[in-house]
């Protein structure tokens, strides 16, 4: 899960202390700077399990998110991840933990066509990183195999970004995001020197979005990354289709995901309507084996089958089974979990 952060671990008190200090700074800045609106504290809490080759890992996790407007044109936002992992070891379960910030940014909203972003931000390549990576949004625990392509290893940049709606008409709209990131070796805000962006066309009558992405790594061996995404949510249905394709210098891949909730037995809030069957197909292809780019080092196919249940009060039960095929060996994976999404004002508004 990034979750691009899951593979990182920290056992130092210093890292946790820095996160607490940064969180306090966020709260203080927003509390004394807000003139018009109330800051919102949101996020998700979950308990996840992952069974692979007969070994089960348990992960309690929390991802708090703060969005604090400052006056009419400024917005501060940040999301953090705090997790504990219990995995099998030679003498029982091994305990590890991670604490860190996903991003830490300030936005100046000049108009609906132009927003300037500064700080540590999620790289705007394709759609998964910005839209589906939060714990409480994604349908599956694991990110697609090709997601790391174009995200420069960490999924975040440190620098600046400009984004907004280039054109907005009743029948179509075009939005854009372009960024530059400096190289940062900071333990908390790690990034590669890179630049790029994304443009998307949305057709509201068809409820169809098509986007193109391009990023370039500007340090070491310079590399180009190309991406595209398609989202379709037909009107008056609870069917959703999402897909991405990404190509880098060493690998390429795609994923297609579909989910559906029926309204035929009393609507989406009925017992049957709360069930949400899922399916995701994905493949990665190697161009060489010099660098992995976070993608398997052999050509890989994977089918993911899921069944989520949407309880009241923003609680979801997640279940899935995955079957992976590759020359390195076939594998099965079972995952279950429960996630709660919370949202409330950080404090009472005036």
C-alpha atoms as a PDB file:
ATOM      1  CA  UNK A   1       0.000   0.000   0.000  1.00  0.00           C
ATOM      2  CA  UNK A   2       1.604   3.537  -0.548  1.00  0.00           C
ATOM      3  CA  UNK A   3       0.804   3.404  -0.501  1.00  0.00           C
ATOM      4  CA  UNK A   4       4.333   4.139  -1.508  1.00  0.00           C
ATOM      5  CA  UNK A   5       5.223   4.426   2.148  1.00  0.00           C
ATOM      6  CA  UNK A   6       4.494   0.870   3.241  1.00  0.00           C
ATOM      7  CA  UNK A   7       7.919  -0.475   2.339  1.00  0.00           C
ATOM      8  CA  UNK A   8       9.641   2.162   4.469  1.00  0.00           C
ATOM      9  CA  UNK A   9      10.150   1.667   8.169  1.00  0.00           C
ATOM     10  CA  UNK A  10      11.329   3.931  10.989  1.00  0.00           C
ATOM     11  CA  UNK A  11      12.195   3.028  14.540  1.00  0.00           C
ATOM     12  CA  UNK A  12      13.578   6.391  15.576  1.00  0.00           C
ATOM     13  CA  UNK A  13      11.868   8.637  18.065  1.00  0.00           C
ATOM     14  CA  UNK A  14      13.203  11.639  16.158  1.00  0.00           C
ATOM     15  CA  UNK A  15      11.044  10.976  13.106  1.00  0.00           C
ATOM     16  CA  UNK A  16       7.884  10.682  15.160  1.00  0.00           C
ATOM     17  CA  UNK A  17       8.827  13.838  17.059  1.00  0.00           C
ATOM     18  CA  UNK A  18       9.274  15.769  13.799  1.00  0.00           C
ATOM     19  CA  UNK A  19       5.875  14.618  12.568  1.00  0.00           C
ATOM     20  CA  UNK A  20       4.202  15.736  15.798  1.00  0.00           C
ATOM     21  CA  UNK A  21       5.926  19.119  15.604  1.00  0.00           C
ATOM     22  CA  UNK A  22       4.892  19.580  11.966  1.00  0.00           C
ATOM     23  CA  UNK A  23       1.309  18.670  12.816  1.00  0.00           C
ATOM     24  CA  UNK A  24       1.248  21.218  15.630  1.00  0.00           C
ATOM     25  CA  UNK A  25       2.615  23.855  13.262  1.00  0.00           C
ATOM     26  CA  UNK A  26      -0.138  23.045  10.769  1.00  0.00           C
ATOM     27  CA  UNK A  27      -2.810  23.406  13.408  1.00  0.00           C
ATOM     28  CA  UNK A  28      -1.386  26.645  14.809  1.00  0.00           C
ATOM     29  CA  UNK A  29      -0.987  28.263  11.397  1.00  0.00           C
ATOM     30  CA  UNK A  30      -4.490  27.368  10.335  1.00  0.00           C
ATOM     31  CA  UNK A  31      -6.072  28.306  13.649  1.00  0.00           C
ATOM     32  CA  UNK A  32      -4.684  31.837  13.774  1.00  0.00           C
ATOM     33  CA  UNK A  33      -4.768  32.473  10.033  1.00  0.00           C
ATOM     34  CA  UNK A  34      -8.290  31.453   9.040  1.00  0.00           C
ATOM     35  CA  UNK A  35     -10.563  34.386   8.395  1.00  0.00           C
ATOM     36  CA  UNK A  36     -13.528  32.931   6.520  1.00  0.00           C
ATOM     37  CA  UNK A  37     -13.760  29.148   6.776  1.00  0.00           C
ATOM     38  CA  UNK A  38     -13.286  26.361   9.266  1.00  0.00           C
ATOM     39  CA  UNK A  39     -10.361  23.939   8.858  1.00  0.00           C
ATOM     40  CA  UNK A  40     -11.396  20.359   8.234  1.00  0.00           C
ATOM     41  CA  UNK A  41      -9.784  17.313   9.772  1.00  0.00           C
ATOM     42  CA  UNK A  42     -10.452  14.260   7.646  1.00  0.00           C
ATOM     43  CA  UNK A  43      -8.850  10.942   6.822  1.00  0.00           C
ATOM     44  CA  UNK A  44      -9.247   7.248   7.335  1.00  0.00           C
ATOM     45  CA  UNK A  45      -8.641   4.550   9.952  1.00  0.00           C
ATOM     46  CA  UNK A  46      -8.285   0.926   8.999  1.00  0.00           C
ATOM     47  CA  UNK A  47      -7.291  -2.561  10.031  1.00  0.00           C
ATOM     48  CA  UNK A  48      -5.932  -4.609   7.112  1.00  0.00           C
ATOM     49  CA  UNK A  49      -4.746  -8.174   6.656  1.00  0.00           C
ATOM     50  CA  UNK A  50      -2.717  -9.655   3.810  1.00  0.00           C
ATOM     51  CA  UNK A  51      -2.132 -13.395   3.281  1.00  0.00           C
ATOM     52  CA  UNK A  52       0.582 -14.371   0.795  1.00  0.00           C
ATOM     53  CA  UNK A  53       2.048 -17.880   0.488  1.00  0.00           C
ATOM     54  CA  UNK A  54       0.360 -18.836   3.764  1.00  0.00           C
ATOM     55  CA  UNK A  55       1.867 -15.938   5.739  1.00  0.00           C
ATOM     56  CA  UNK A  56      -0.502 -13.289   7.068  1.00  0.00           C
ATOM     57  CA  UNK A  57       0.460  -9.709   7.902  1.00  0.00           C
ATOM     58  CA  UNK A  58      -1.801  -7.477  10.031  1.00  0.00           C
ATOM     59  CA  UNK A  59      -1.664  -3.690   9.651  1.00  0.00           C
ATOM     60  CA  UNK A  60      -3.572  -1.143  11.737  1.00  0.00           C
ATOM     61  CA  UNK A  61      -3.263   2.207   9.965  1.00  0.00           C
ATOM     62  CA  UNK A  62      -4.440   5.805  10.209  1.00  0.00           C
ATOM     63  CA  UNK A  63      -4.174   8.494   7.541  1.00  0.00           C
ATOM     64  CA  UNK A  64      -5.212  11.918   8.886  1.00  0.00           C
ATOM     65  CA  UNK A  65      -5.709  14.790   6.442  1.00  0.00           C
ATOM     66  CA  UNK A  66      -5.905  18.492   7.291  1.00  0.00           C
ATOM     67  CA  UNK A  67      -7.320  21.141   4.930  1.00  0.00           C
ATOM     68  CA  UNK A  68      -7.051  24.636   6.407  1.00  0.00           C
ATOM     69  CA  UNK A  69      -8.136  27.711   4.410  1.00  0.00           C
ATOM     70  CA  UNK A  70      -6.313  30.944   5.258  1.00  0.00           C
ATOM     71  CA  UNK A  71      -8.364  33.912   4.090  1.00  0.00           C
ATOM     72  CA  UNK A  72     -10.041  33.790   0.692  1.00  0.00           C
ATOM     73  CA  UNK A  73      -7.207  32.635  -1.523  1.00  0.00           C
ATOM     74  CA  UNK A  74      -4.869  30.469   0.547  1.00  0.00           C
ATOM     75  CA  UNK A  75      -5.276  26.834   1.489  1.00  0.00           C
ATOM     76  CA  UNK A  76      -2.940  24.669   3.506  1.00  0.00           C
ATOM     77  CA  UNK A  77      -3.278  20.878   3.226  1.00  0.00           C
ATOM     78  CA  UNK A  78      -1.363  17.841   4.373  1.00  0.00           C
ATOM     79  CA  UNK A  79      -1.833  14.093   4.783  1.00  0.00           C
ATOM     80  CA  UNK A  80       0.133  11.747   7.028  1.00  0.00           C
ATOM     81  CA  UNK A  81       0.428   7.985   7.437  1.00  0.00           C
ATOM     82  CA  UNK A  82       0.873   6.186  10.747  1.00  0.00           C
ATOM     83  CA  UNK A  83       0.916   2.388  10.687  1.00  0.00           C
ATOM     84  CA  UNK A  84       2.043  -0.656  12.615  1.00  0.00           C
ATOM     85  CA  UNK A  85       2.757  -3.945  10.818  1.00  0.00           C
ATOM     86  CA  UNK A  86       2.758  -7.395  12.415  1.00  0.00           C
ATOM     87  CA  UNK A  87       4.297 -10.010  10.095  1.00  0.00           C
ATOM     88  CA  UNK A  88       5.410 -13.631  10.652  1.00  0.00           C
ATOM     89  CA  UNK A  89       9.035 -14.200  11.675  1.00  0.00           C
ATOM     90  CA  UNK A  90      11.186 -17.172  12.682  1.00  0.00           C
ATOM     91  CA  UNK A  91      10.157 -16.802  16.340  1.00  0.00           C
ATOM     92  CA  UNK A  92       6.638 -15.437  16.096  1.00  0.00           C
ATOM     93  CA  UNK A  93       5.407 -12.135  14.751  1.00  0.00           C
ATOM     94  CA  UNK A  94       7.764  -9.225  13.975  1.00  0.00           C
ATOM     95  CA  UNK A  95       6.574  -5.724  14.781  1.00  0.00           C
ATOM     96  CA  UNK A  96       7.528  -2.737  12.597  1.00  0.00           C
ATOM     97  CA  UNK A  97       6.093   0.748  12.221  1.00  0.00           C
ATOM     98  CA  UNK A  98       6.152   3.766   9.944  1.00  0.00           C
ATOM     99  CA  UNK A  99       5.264   7.406  10.531  1.00  0.00           C
ATOM    100  CA  UNK A 100       5.547  10.050   7.829  1.00  0.00           C
ATOM    101  CA  UNK A 101       3.895  12.768   5.775  1.00  0.00           C
ATOM    102  CA  UNK A 102       2.474  11.940   2.344  1.00  0.00           C
ATOM    103  CA  UNK A 103       2.549  15.605   1.346  1.00  0.00           C
ATOM    104  CA  UNK A 104       2.777  19.037   2.954  1.00  0.00           C
ATOM    105  CA  UNK A 105       1.728  21.907   0.684  1.00  0.00           C
ATOM    106  CA  UNK A 106       0.322  25.417   0.477  1.00  0.00           C
ATOM    107  CA  UNK A 107      -2.029  26.559  -2.315  1.00  0.00           C
ATOM    108  CA  UNK A 108      -2.661  30.082  -3.609  1.00  0.00           C
ATOM    109  CA  UNK A 109      -5.992  30.032  -5.442  1.00  0.00           C
ATOM    110  CA  UNK A 110      -5.800  32.987  -7.839  1.00  0.00           C
ATOM    111  CA  UNK A 111      -8.892  31.894  -9.805  1.00  0.00           C
ATOM    112  CA  UNK A 112     -10.619  28.719 -10.956  1.00  0.00           C
ATOM    113  CA  UNK A 113      -8.174  28.708 -13.874  1.00  0.00           C
ATOM    114  CA  UNK A 114      -4.974  29.199 -11.910  1.00  0.00           C
ATOM    115  CA  UNK A 115      -3.690  27.777  -8.614  1.00  0.00           C
ATOM    116  CA  UNK A 116      -0.063  27.944  -7.449  1.00  0.00           C
ATOM    117  CA  UNK A 117       1.138  25.109  -5.207  1.00  0.00           C
ATOM    118  CA  UNK A 118       4.341  25.066  -3.190  1.00  0.00           C
ATOM    119  CA  UNK A 119       5.931  22.587  -0.786  1.00  0.00           C
ATOM    120  CA  UNK A 120       5.862  18.796  -0.858  1.00  0.00           C
ATOM    121  CA  UNK A 121       3.086  17.616  -3.188  1.00  0.00           C
ATOM    122  CA  UNK A 122       1.822  14.458  -4.882  1.00  0.00           C
ATOM    123  CA  UNK A 123       3.230  14.184  -8.417  1.00  0.00           C
ATOM    124  CA  UNK A 124       0.415  14.729 -10.972  1.00  0.00           C
ATOM    125  CA  UNK A 125       1.105  11.739 -13.237  1.00  0.00           C
ATOM    126  CA  UNK A 126      -1.928   9.751 -14.425  1.00  0.00           C
ATOM    127  CA  UNK A 127      -4.711   9.512 -11.836  1.00  0.00           C
ATOM    128  CA  UNK A 128      -3.987   6.938  -9.128  1.00  0.00           C
ATOM    129  CA  UNK A 129      -1.407   8.876  -7.115  1.00  0.00           C
ATOM    130  CA  UNK A 130      -3.580  11.928  -6.450  1.00  0.00           C
ATOM    131  CA  UNK A 131      -7.070  10.435  -6.496  1.00  0.00           C
ATOM    132  CA  UNK A 132      -7.040   6.809  -5.368  1.00  0.00           C
ATOM    133  CA  UNK A 133      -4.042   6.466  -3.043  1.00  0.00           C
ATOM    134  CA  UNK A 134      -5.880   7.600   0.153  1.00  0.00           C
ATOM    135  CA  UNK A 135      -6.781   4.677   2.413  1.00  0.00           C
ATOM    136  CA  UNK A 136     -10.516   5.442   2.404  1.00  0.00           C
ATOM    137  CA  UNK A 137     -10.906   5.797  -1.382  1.00  0.00           C
ATOM    138  CA  UNK A 138      -9.148   2.911  -3.146  1.00  0.00           C
ATOM    139  CA  UNK A 139     -11.131  -0.289  -3.703  1.00  0.00           C
ATOM    140  CA  UNK A 140      -8.112  -2.583  -3.307  1.00  0.00           C
ATOM    141  CA  UNK A 141      -5.431  -2.506  -0.613  1.00  0.00           C
ATOM    142  CA  UNK A 142      -2.573  -2.845  -3.114  1.00  0.00           C
ATOM    143  CA  UNK A 143      -1.678  -0.277  -5.748  1.00  0.00           C
ATOM    144  CA  UNK A 144      -1.545  -1.511  -9.373  1.00  0.00           C
ATOM    145  CA  UNK A 145       1.793  -3.002 -10.454  1.00  0.00           C
ATOM    146  CA  UNK A 146       2.606  -0.204 -12.935  1.00  0.00           C
ATOM    147  CA  UNK A 147       1.671   2.711 -10.689  1.00  0.00           C
ATOM    148  CA  UNK A 148       5.258   3.586  -9.745  1.00  0.00           C
ATOM    149  CA  UNK A 149       6.149   4.429 -13.353  1.00  0.00           C
ATOM    150  CA  UNK A 150       6.410   8.215 -13.667  1.00  0.00           C
ATOM    151  CA  UNK A 151       6.287   8.874  -9.931  1.00  0.00           C
ATOM    152  CA  UNK A 152      10.072   9.148  -9.424  1.00  0.00           C
ATOM    153  CA  UNK A 153      10.281   6.499  -6.737  1.00  0.00           C
ATOM    154  CA  UNK A 154       8.532   8.371  -3.925  1.00  0.00           C
ATOM    155  CA  UNK A 155       5.335   9.656  -5.542  1.00  0.00           C
ATOM    156  CA  UNK A 156       6.066  13.166  -4.232  1.00  0.00           C
ATOM    157  CA  UNK A 157       7.908  16.245  -5.439  1.00  0.00           C
ATOM    158  CA  UNK A 158       9.437  19.152  -3.512  1.00  0.00           C
ATOM    159  CA  UNK A 159       9.085  22.420  -5.385  1.00  0.00           C
ATOM    160  CA  UNK A 160       6.210  24.103  -7.172  1.00  0.00           C
ATOM    161  CA  UNK A 161       3.167  23.286  -9.264  1.00  0.00           C
ATOM    162  CA  UNK A 162       0.616  25.241 -11.309  1.00  0.00           C
ATOM    163  CA  UNK A 163      -2.804  23.752 -11.957  1.00  0.00           C
ATOM    164  CA  UNK A 164      -6.368  24.676 -12.783  1.00  0.00           C
ATOM    165  CA  UNK A 165      -9.134  24.589 -15.373  1.00  0.00           C
ATOM    166  CA  UNK A 166      -7.864  25.794 -18.745  1.00  0.00           C
ATOM    167  CA  UNK A 167     -11.303  25.733 -20.410  1.00  0.00           C
ATOM    168  CA  UNK A 168     -14.732  25.153 -18.901  1.00  0.00           C
ATOM    169  CA  UNK A 169     -17.791  24.832 -21.150  1.00  0.00           C
ATOM    170  CA  UNK A 170     -21.203  23.149 -20.648  1.00  0.00           C
ATOM    171  CA  UNK A 171     -20.256  20.280 -22.982  1.00  0.00           C
ATOM    172  CA  UNK A 172     -16.586  19.850 -22.071  1.00  0.00           C
ATOM    173  CA  UNK A 173     -13.786  21.064 -19.840  1.00  0.00           C
ATOM    174  CA  UNK A 174      -9.983  20.797 -19.908  1.00  0.00           C
ATOM    175  CA  UNK A 175      -7.855  20.886 -16.780  1.00  0.00           C
ATOM    176  CA  UNK A 176      -4.100  20.863 -16.400  1.00  0.00           C
ATOM    177  CA  UNK A 177      -1.312  20.435 -13.843  1.00  0.00           C
ATOM    178  CA  UNK A 178       2.391  21.100 -14.422  1.00  0.00           C
ATOM    179  CA  UNK A 179       5.197  20.899 -11.863  1.00  0.00           C
ATOM    180  CA  UNK A 180       8.906  21.129 -11.152  1.00  0.00           C
ATOM    181  CA  UNK A 181      10.560  19.223  -8.317  1.00  0.00           C
ATOM    182  CA  UNK A 182      14.042  19.705  -6.915  1.00  0.00           C
ATOM    183  CA  UNK A 183      16.153  16.870  -5.607  1.00  0.00           C
ATOM    184  CA  UNK A 184      15.735  16.398  -1.859  1.00  0.00           C
ATOM    185  CA  UNK A 185      17.540  13.883   0.318  1.00  0.00           C
ATOM    186  CA  UNK A 186      15.595  14.891   3.421  1.00  0.00           C
ATOM    187  CA  UNK A 187      14.389  11.820   5.279  1.00  0.00           C
ATOM    188  CA  UNK A 188      10.853  13.168   5.559  1.00  0.00           C
ATOM    189  CA  UNK A 189      10.581  14.978   2.199  1.00  0.00           C
ATOM    190  CA  UNK A 190      12.508  12.820  -0.248  1.00  0.00           C
ATOM    191  CA  UNK A 191      12.229  13.600  -3.969  1.00  0.00           C
ATOM    192  CA  UNK A 192      14.002  13.419  -7.330  1.00  0.00           C
ATOM    193  CA  UNK A 193      14.741  16.350  -9.627  1.00  0.00           C
ATOM    194  CA  UNK A 194      12.028  16.131 -12.263  1.00  0.00           C
ATOM    195  CA  UNK A 195       9.393  18.057 -14.195  1.00  0.00           C
ATOM    196  CA  UNK A 196       6.223  17.263 -16.072  1.00  0.00           C
ATOM    197  CA  UNK A 197       2.473  17.497 -16.023  1.00  0.00           C
ATOM    198  CA  UNK A 198      -0.939  16.200 -16.994  1.00  0.00           C
ATOM    199  CA  UNK A 199      -3.858  17.420 -19.138  1.00  0.00           C
ATOM    200  CA  UNK A 200      -7.382  15.972 -18.993  1.00  0.00           C
ATOM    201  CA  UNK A 201     -10.518  16.339 -21.085  1.00  0.00           C
ATOM    202  CA  UNK A 202     -13.875  15.792 -19.352  1.00  0.00           C
ATOM    203  CA  UNK A 203     -17.217  15.324 -21.141  1.00  0.00           C
ATOM    204  CA  UNK A 204     -20.000  15.832 -18.550  1.00  0.00           C
ATOM    205  CA  UNK A 205     -22.857  14.448 -20.678  1.00  0.00           C
ATOM    206  CA  UNK A 206     -20.980  11.198 -21.258  1.00  0.00           C
ATOM    207  CA  UNK A 207     -19.338  11.366 -17.806  1.00  0.00           C
ATOM    208  CA  UNK A 208     -16.081  10.450 -19.526  1.00  0.00           C
ATOM    209  CA  UNK A 209     -12.563  11.673 -18.717  1.00  0.00           C
ATOM    210  CA  UNK A 210      -9.461  11.118 -20.837  1.00  0.00           C
ATOM    211  CA  UNK A 211      -6.023  12.330 -19.766  1.00  0.00           C
ATOM    212  CA  UNK A 212      -2.396  12.371 -20.919  1.00  0.00           C
ATOM    213  CA  UNK A 213       0.697  12.682 -18.702  1.00  0.00           C
ATOM    214  CA  UNK A 214       4.386  13.323 -19.302  1.00  0.00           C
ATOM    215  CA  UNK A 215       7.212  13.452 -16.743  1.00  0.00           C
ATOM    216  CA  UNK A 216      10.993  13.705 -17.169  1.00  0.00           C
ATOM    217  CA  UNK A 217      13.651  12.699 -14.673  1.00  0.00           C
ATOM    218  CA  UNK A 218      16.295  15.463 -14.604  1.00  0.00           C
ATOM    219  CA  UNK A 219      19.062  13.840 -12.572  1.00  0.00           C
ATOM    220  CA  UNK A 220      21.404  10.953 -13.212  1.00  0.00           C
ATOM    221  CA  UNK A 221      20.370   9.267 -16.448  1.00  0.00           C
ATOM    222  CA  UNK A 222      17.587  11.450 -17.791  1.00  0.00           C
ATOM    223  CA  UNK A 223      14.454   9.446 -18.604  1.00  0.00           C
ATOM    224  CA  UNK A 224      11.009  10.169 -20.019  1.00  0.00           C
ATOM    225  CA  UNK A 225       7.727   8.756 -18.733  1.00  0.00           C
ATOM    226  CA  UNK A 226       4.450   8.764 -20.654  1.00  0.00           C
ATOM    227  CA  UNK A 227       0.999   8.016 -19.302  1.00  0.00           C
ATOM    228  CA  UNK A 228      -2.697   8.057 -20.139  1.00  0.00           C
ATOM    229  CA  UNK A 229      -5.854   7.421 -18.159  1.00  0.00           C
ATOM    230  CA  UNK A 230      -9.553   6.879 -18.921  1.00  0.00           C
ATOM    231  CA  UNK A 231     -12.375   7.159 -16.384  1.00  0.00           C
ATOM    232  CA  UNK A 232     -16.010   6.468 -17.244  1.00  0.00           C
ATOM    233  CA  UNK A 233     -19.020   6.632 -14.929  1.00  0.00           C
ATOM    234  CA  UNK A 234     -22.238   6.222 -16.975  1.00  0.00           C
ATOM    235  CA  UNK A 235     -25.081   8.498 -15.935  1.00  0.00           C
ATOM    236  CA  UNK A 236     -27.806   7.120 -13.631  1.00  0.00           C
ATOM    237  CA  UNK A 237     -25.785   3.999 -12.795  1.00  0.00           C
ATOM    238  CA  UNK A 238     -23.410   2.992 -10.026  1.00  0.00           C
ATOM    239  CA  UNK A 239     -20.920   1.507 -12.485  1.00  0.00           C
ATOM    240  CA  UNK A 240     -17.380   2.889 -12.658  1.00  0.00           C
ATOM    241  CA  UNK A 241     -14.560   2.075 -15.053  1.00  0.00           C
ATOM    242  CA  UNK A 242     -11.028   3.328 -14.389  1.00  0.00           C
ATOM    243  CA  UNK A 243      -7.836   2.603 -16.284  1.00  0.00           C
ATOM    244  CA  UNK A 244      -4.243   3.748 -16.741  1.00  0.00           C
ATOM    245  CA  UNK A 245      -1.314   3.077 -19.039  1.00  0.00           C
ATOM    246  CA  UNK A 246       2.275   4.086 -18.201  1.00  0.00           C
ATOM    247  CA  UNK A 247       5.524   3.717 -20.130  1.00  0.00           C
ATOM    248  CA  UNK A 248       9.048   4.341 -18.881  1.00  0.00           C
ATOM    249  CA  UNK A 249      12.539   3.709 -20.205  1.00  0.00           C
ATOM    250  CA  UNK A 250      12.744   0.236 -18.612  1.00  0.00           C
ATOM    251  CA  UNK A 251       9.141  -1.001 -18.392  1.00  0.00           C
ATOM    252  CA  UNK A 252       5.527  -0.338 -19.274  1.00  0.00           C
ATOM    253  CA  UNK A 253       2.170  -1.524 -18.029  1.00  0.00           C
ATOM    254  CA  UNK A 254      -1.548  -0.943 -17.682  1.00  0.00           C
ATOM    255  CA  UNK A 255      -4.458  -1.644 -15.369  1.00  0.00           C
ATOM    256  CA  UNK A 256      -8.244  -1.624 -15.860  1.00  0.00           C
ATOM    257  CA  UNK A 257     -10.615  -1.628 -12.889  1.00  0.00           C
ATOM    258  CA  UNK A 258     -14.407  -1.875 -12.761  1.00  0.00           C
ATOM    259  CA  UNK A 259     -16.851  -1.765  -9.845  1.00  0.00           C
ATOM    260  CA  UNK A 260     -20.629  -1.817  -9.647  1.00  0.00           C
ATOM    261  CA  UNK A 261     -23.443  -1.386  -7.126  1.00  0.00           C
ATOM    262  CA  UNK A 262     -26.980  -2.371  -8.068  1.00  0.00           C
ATOM    263  CA  UNK A 263     -30.017  -0.166  -7.423  1.00  0.00           C
ATOM    264  CA  UNK A 264     -32.531  -2.885  -8.359  1.00  0.00           C
ATOM    265  CA  UNK A 265     -33.330  -4.085  -4.818  1.00  0.00           C
ATOM    266  CA  UNK A 266     -34.238  -0.911  -2.951  1.00  0.00           C
ATOM    267  CA  UNK A 267     -31.437   1.439  -3.962  1.00  0.00           C
ATOM    268  CA  UNK A 268     -27.790   1.804  -3.031  1.00  0.00           C
ATOM    269  CA  UNK A 269     -28.541   1.955   0.721  1.00  0.00           C
ATOM    270  CA  UNK A 270     -30.394  -1.358   0.787  1.00  0.00           C
ATOM    271  CA  UNK A 271     -28.755  -4.555   2.042  1.00  0.00           C
ATOM    272  CA  UNK A 272     -28.084  -5.764  -1.512  1.00  0.00           C
ATOM    273  CA  UNK A 273     -27.195  -2.301  -2.820  1.00  0.00           C
ATOM    274  CA  UNK A 274     -24.341  -1.974  -0.343  1.00  0.00           C
ATOM    275  CA  UNK A 275     -22.439  -4.859  -1.964  1.00  0.00           C
ATOM    276  CA  UNK A 276     -19.806  -3.711  -4.458  1.00  0.00           C
ATOM    277  CA  UNK A 277     -18.192  -6.393  -6.665  1.00  0.00           C
ATOM    278  CA  UNK A 278     -14.817  -5.404  -8.128  1.00  0.00           C
ATOM    279  CA  UNK A 279     -12.495  -6.594 -10.853  1.00  0.00           C
ATOM    280  CA  UNK A 280      -9.059  -5.353 -11.905  1.00  0.00           C
ATOM    281  CA  UNK A 281      -6.853  -6.675 -14.691  1.00  0.00           C
ATOM    282  CA  UNK A 282      -3.246  -5.560 -14.968  1.00  0.00           C
ATOM    283  CA  UNK A 283      -0.080  -6.388 -16.877  1.00  0.00           C
ATOM    284  CA  UNK A 284       3.507  -5.147 -16.890  1.00  0.00           C
ATOM    285  CA  UNK A 285       6.075  -5.634 -19.636  1.00  0.00           C
ATOM    286  CA  UNK A 286       9.858  -5.333 -19.332  1.00  0.00           C
ATOM    287  CA  UNK A 287      11.870  -3.340 -21.863  1.00  0.00           C
ATOM    288  CA  UNK A 288      15.093  -4.256 -20.052  1.00  0.00           C
ATOM    289  CA  UNK A 289      16.157  -5.396 -16.565  1.00  0.00           C
ATOM    290  CA  UNK A 290      18.650  -2.622 -15.766  1.00  0.00           C
ATOM    291  CA  UNK A 291      16.355  -0.786 -13.313  1.00  0.00           C
ATOM    292  CA  UNK A 292      13.051  -2.006 -11.891  1.00  0.00           C
ATOM    293  CA  UNK A 293      11.311   1.404 -11.540  1.00  0.00           C
ATOM    294  CA  UNK A 294       9.224  -0.337  -8.865  1.00  0.00           C
ATOM    295  CA  UNK A 295       7.806  -2.721 -11.508  1.00  0.00           C
ATOM    296  CA  UNK A 296       8.371  -6.528 -11.438  1.00  0.00           C
ATOM    297  CA  UNK A 297      11.604  -7.549 -13.192  1.00  0.00           C
ATOM    298  CA  UNK A 298       9.772 -10.084 -15.383  1.00  0.00           C
ATOM    299  CA  UNK A 299       6.633  -9.757 -17.495  1.00  0.00           C
ATOM    300  CA  UNK A 300       3.708 -10.146 -15.098  1.00  0.00           C
ATOM    301  CA  UNK A 301      -0.055 -10.577 -15.340  1.00  0.00           C
ATOM    302  CA  UNK A 302      -2.420 -10.249 -12.398  1.00  0.00           C
ATOM    303  CA  UNK A 303      -6.163 -10.541 -11.960  1.00  0.00           C
ATOM    304  CA  UNK A 304      -7.777  -9.051  -8.829  1.00  0.00           C
ATOM    305  CA  UNK A 305     -11.294 -10.010  -7.709  1.00  0.00           C
ATOM    306  CA  UNK A 306     -12.938  -8.114  -4.873  1.00  0.00           C
ATOM    307  CA  UNK A 307     -16.191  -7.745  -2.967  1.00  0.00           C
ATOM    308  CA  UNK A 308     -16.575  -4.663  -0.778  1.00  0.00           C
ATOM    309  CA  UNK A 309     -19.495  -3.886   1.509  1.00  0.00           C
ATOM    310  CA  UNK A 310     -20.453  -0.257   2.187  1.00  0.00           C
ATOM    311  CA  UNK A 311     -21.809   0.055   5.724  1.00  0.00           C
ATOM    312  CA  UNK A 312     -23.497   3.236   7.035  1.00  0.00           C
ATOM    313  CA  UNK A 313     -21.450   6.081   8.479  1.00  0.00           C
ATOM    314  CA  UNK A 314     -18.594   5.790   5.928  1.00  0.00           C
ATOM    315  CA  UNK A 315     -17.447   2.315   6.983  1.00  0.00           C
ATOM    316  CA  UNK A 316     -16.304  -0.155   4.303  1.00  0.00           C
ATOM    317  CA  UNK A 317     -15.410  -3.838   4.497  1.00  0.00           C
ATOM    318  CA  UNK A 318     -12.786  -4.746   1.869  1.00  0.00           C
ATOM    319  CA  UNK A 319     -12.141  -8.281   0.620  1.00  0.00           C
ATOM    320  CA  UNK A 320     -10.139  -9.403  -2.408  1.00  0.00           C
ATOM    321  CA  UNK A 321      -8.346 -12.321  -4.027  1.00  0.00           C
ATOM    322  CA  UNK A 322      -5.474 -11.890  -6.503  1.00  0.00           C
ATOM    323  CA  UNK A 323      -3.814 -14.382  -8.813  1.00  0.00           C
ATOM    324  CA  UNK A 324      -0.447 -13.427 -10.314  1.00  0.00           C
ATOM    325  CA  UNK A 325       1.224 -15.126 -13.285  1.00  0.00           C
ATOM    326  CA  UNK A 326       4.880 -14.657 -14.248  1.00  0.00           C
ATOM    327  CA  UNK A 327       8.022 -16.590 -15.177  1.00  0.00           C
ATOM    328  CA  UNK A 328       9.215 -16.025 -11.602  1.00  0.00           C
ATOM    329  CA  UNK A 329       6.339 -18.172 -10.363  1.00  0.00           C
ATOM    330  CA  UNK A 330       2.587 -17.931  -9.867  1.00  0.00           C
ATOM    331  CA  UNK A 331       1.182 -16.619  -6.601  1.00  0.00           C
ATOM    332  CA  UNK A 332      -2.107 -16.192  -4.730  1.00  0.00           C
ATOM    333  CA  UNK A 333      -2.926 -13.334  -2.396  1.00  0.00           C
ATOM    334  CA  UNK A 334      -5.905 -12.872  -0.055  1.00  0.00           C
ATOM    335  CA  UNK A 335      -6.675  -9.518   1.540  1.00  0.00           C
ATOM    336  CA  UNK A 336      -9.342  -8.318   3.961  1.00  0.00           C
ATOM    337  CA  UNK A 337      -9.841  -5.152   5.942  1.00  0.00           C
ATOM    338  CA  UNK A 338     -12.206  -2.620   7.435  1.00  0.00           C
ATOM    339  CA  UNK A 339     -11.854   1.121   6.833  1.00  0.00           C
ATOM    340  CA  UNK A 340     -13.628   4.085   8.413  1.00  0.00           C
ATOM    341  CA  UNK A 341     -13.553   7.523   6.816  1.00  0.00           C
ATOM    342  CA  UNK A 342     -13.902  10.438   9.260  1.00  0.00           C
ATOM    343  CA  UNK A 343     -14.590  14.112   8.588  1.00  0.00           C
ATOM    344  CA  UNK A 344     -15.221  16.912  11.063  1.00  0.00           C
ATOM    345  CA  UNK A 345     -14.159  20.530  11.745  1.00  0.00           C
ATOM    346  CA  UNK A 346     -10.809  20.847  13.490  1.00  0.00           C
ATOM    347  CA  UNK A 347     -12.596  23.203  15.884  1.00  0.00           C
ATOM    348  CA  UNK A 348     -15.810  25.238  15.949  1.00  0.00           C
ATOM    349  CA  UNK A 349     -16.079  28.043  13.427  1.00  0.00           C
ATOM    350  CA  UNK A 350     -16.855  31.588  14.458  1.00  0.00           C
END
